[in-house]
Amino acid sequence: MKSVAVSEEWQEGRSVQEFALETVGEWSELCQKFLDRQRAEILAGHPSPEKLRQHRLALKWMLRFARAVHLTAADPDYPDKMLANELQGRLVQLEHSWRMLEEQMPETEAEKLLAEVFPE
C-alpha cells in the first residue's frame, strides 16, 4: 500500500516536503510518458474508435490530476519554483492535447484557411 510506504519513508528521516517534491517530479515524468504514447499511438497512428475513446477518457483524468498537482505546486510556499513551472508546462501540454483532439476545426474551415494561407 502506498500509505504504508509513505509512513515508512517518513520514519526513515524523509520529510513530507521531500516526499511531495519527489511525487510531483514523478507526476511530471508520467505526463511526459502519456504525451509520448499519445504521439506514437494517437497522432502518428491510425487509432480505432475504441482506442480514441480510451485515450479521451485517460486525457480527461490526466487533466484533472494535472490541475490538482499544479494547484499545489503553484502555492507561494512550494519550495521548488522550477518544478512548479515544469508542471505549468505539463498542464499547458495536456490542455493543448485536449483542444487538438477534441476541438478540431471542421474540415471546410481548415480547407478555407489553407487556401488563404497557401493560395494556388
Protein backbone atom coordinates (compact mmCIF):
# COMPACT_ATOMS: atom_id res chain seq x y z
CA MET A 1 0.00 0.00 0.00
CA LYS A 2 1.21 3.47 -0.81
CA SER A 3 0.23 4.89 2.60
CA VAL A 4 2.32 2.25 4.37
CA ALA A 5 5.29 3.09 2.16
CA VAL A 6 4.83 6.78 2.90
CA SER A 7 4.79 6.19 6.64
CA GLU A 8 7.91 4.04 6.47
CA GLU A 9 9.73 6.64 4.38
CA TRP A 10 8.90 9.40 6.86
CA GLN A 11 10.19 7.21 9.65
CA GLU A 12 13.45 6.85 7.75
CA GLY A 13 14.04 10.57 8.05
CA ARG A 14 12.40 11.85 4.88
CA SER A 15 10.29 14.92 5.38
CA VAL A 16 6.83 15.41 3.99
CA GLN A 17 8.32 18.17 1.84
CA GLU A 18 10.87 15.79 0.29
CA PHE A 19 8.16 13.24 -0.37
CA ALA A 20 5.95 15.89 -2.01
CA LEU A 21 8.79 17.09 -4.24
CA GLU A 22 9.57 13.55 -5.34
CA THR A 23 5.91 12.77 -6.02
CA VAL A 24 5.43 15.91 -8.11
CA GLY A 25 8.54 15.06 -10.10
CA GLU A 26 7.18 11.57 -10.74
CA TRP A 27 3.90 13.10 -11.89
CA SER A 28 5.73 15.24 -14.43
CA GLU A 29 7.52 12.15 -15.76
CA LEU A 30 4.18 10.34 -16.03
CA CYS A 31 2.79 13.26 -18.04
CA GLN A 32 5.71 13.03 -20.46
CA LYS A 33 5.19 9.28 -20.90
CA PHE A 34 1.49 9.90 -21.59
CA LEU A 35 2.32 12.57 -24.18
CA ASP A 36 4.92 10.32 -25.83
CA ARG A 37 2.43 7.48 -26.04
CA GLN A 38 -0.21 9.85 -27.40
CA ARG A 39 2.18 10.95 -30.14
CA ALA A 40 3.04 7.37 -31.10
CA GLU A 41 -0.38 5.73 -30.84
CA ILE A 42 -2.90 8.50 -31.49
CA LEU A 43 -1.28 11.25 -33.54
CA ALA A 44 1.13 9.20 -35.65
CA GLY A 45 -1.03 6.09 -35.83
CA HIS A 46 -4.47 5.21 -37.05
CA PRO A 47 -6.30 4.57 -33.79
CA SER A 48 -9.59 2.72 -33.72
CA PRO A 49 -12.67 4.50 -32.38
CA GLU A 50 -12.32 2.44 -29.18
CA LYS A 51 -8.68 3.48 -28.76
CA LEU A 52 -9.69 7.12 -29.26
CA ARG A 53 -12.44 6.72 -26.66
CA GLN A 54 -9.99 5.23 -24.16
CA HIS A 55 -7.46 7.97 -24.87
CA ARG A 56 -10.08 10.68 -24.40
CA LEU A 57 -11.03 9.23 -21.01
CA ALA A 58 -7.37 8.95 -19.97
CA LEU A 59 -6.69 12.51 -21.10
CA LYS A 60 -9.63 13.78 -19.02
CA TRP A 61 -8.15 12.12 -15.93
CA MET A 62 -4.66 13.37 -16.71
CA LEU A 63 -6.03 16.91 -16.95
CA ARG A 64 -7.92 16.58 -13.66
CA PHE A 65 -4.85 15.38 -11.81
CA ALA A 66 -2.54 17.85 -13.55
CA ARG A 67 -4.73 20.73 -12.39
CA ALA A 68 -4.75 19.42 -8.82
CA VAL A 69 -1.00 18.83 -8.68
CA HIS A 70 -0.29 22.18 -10.32
CA LEU A 71 -2.52 23.92 -7.78
CA THR A 72 -0.32 22.53 -5.02
CA ALA A 73 2.94 23.43 -6.77
CA ALA A 74 1.67 26.93 -7.60
CA ASP A 75 1.33 27.73 -3.90
CA PRO A 76 3.74 30.56 -2.96
CA ASP A 77 5.27 28.37 -0.23
CA TYR A 78 6.04 25.49 -2.60
CA PRO A 79 9.81 25.03 -2.33
CA ASP A 80 10.76 24.25 -5.94
CA LYS A 81 9.72 27.00 -8.35
CA MET A 82 11.38 25.26 -11.33
CA LEU A 83 9.28 22.16 -10.74
CA ALA A 84 6.17 24.32 -10.35
CA ASN A 85 6.96 25.91 -13.72
CA GLU A 86 7.50 22.47 -15.25
CA LEU A 87 4.06 21.41 -14.03
CA GLN A 88 2.56 24.55 -15.55
CA GLY A 89 4.10 23.45 -18.84
CA ARG A 90 2.71 19.93 -18.47
CA LEU A 91 -0.74 21.33 -17.85
CA VAL A 92 -0.47 23.51 -20.96
CA GLN A 93 0.65 20.46 -23.00
CA LEU A 94 -2.30 18.39 -21.79
CA GLU A 95 -4.75 21.22 -22.43
CA HIS A 96 -3.29 21.62 -25.93
CA SER A 97 -3.78 17.88 -26.49
CA TRP A 98 -7.42 18.21 -25.47
CA ARG A 99 -8.04 21.11 -27.84
CA MET A 100 -6.17 19.40 -30.67
CA LEU A 101 -8.05 16.11 -30.34
CA GLU A 102 -11.45 17.21 -29.07
CA GLU A 103 -12.00 20.66 -30.51
CA GLN A 104 -10.88 20.07 -34.05
CA MET A 105 -11.60 22.62 -36.72
CA PRO A 106 -14.27 21.49 -39.18
CA GLU A 107 -12.73 20.33 -42.46
CA THR A 108 -14.40 23.07 -44.50
CA GLU A 109 -12.87 25.73 -42.23
CA ALA A 110 -9.47 24.04 -42.42
CA GLU A 111 -9.61 23.97 -46.22
CA LYS A 112 -10.62 27.63 -46.34
CA LEU A 113 -7.77 28.60 -44.01
CA LEU A 114 -5.25 26.58 -46.02
CA ALA A 115 -6.44 28.24 -49.22
CA GLU A 116 -5.98 31.68 -47.64
CA VAL A 117 -2.52 30.92 -46.28
CA PHE A 118 -1.31 28.94 -49.30
CA PRO A 119 -3.09 30.37 -52.35
CA GLU A 120 -2.64 28.45 -55.57
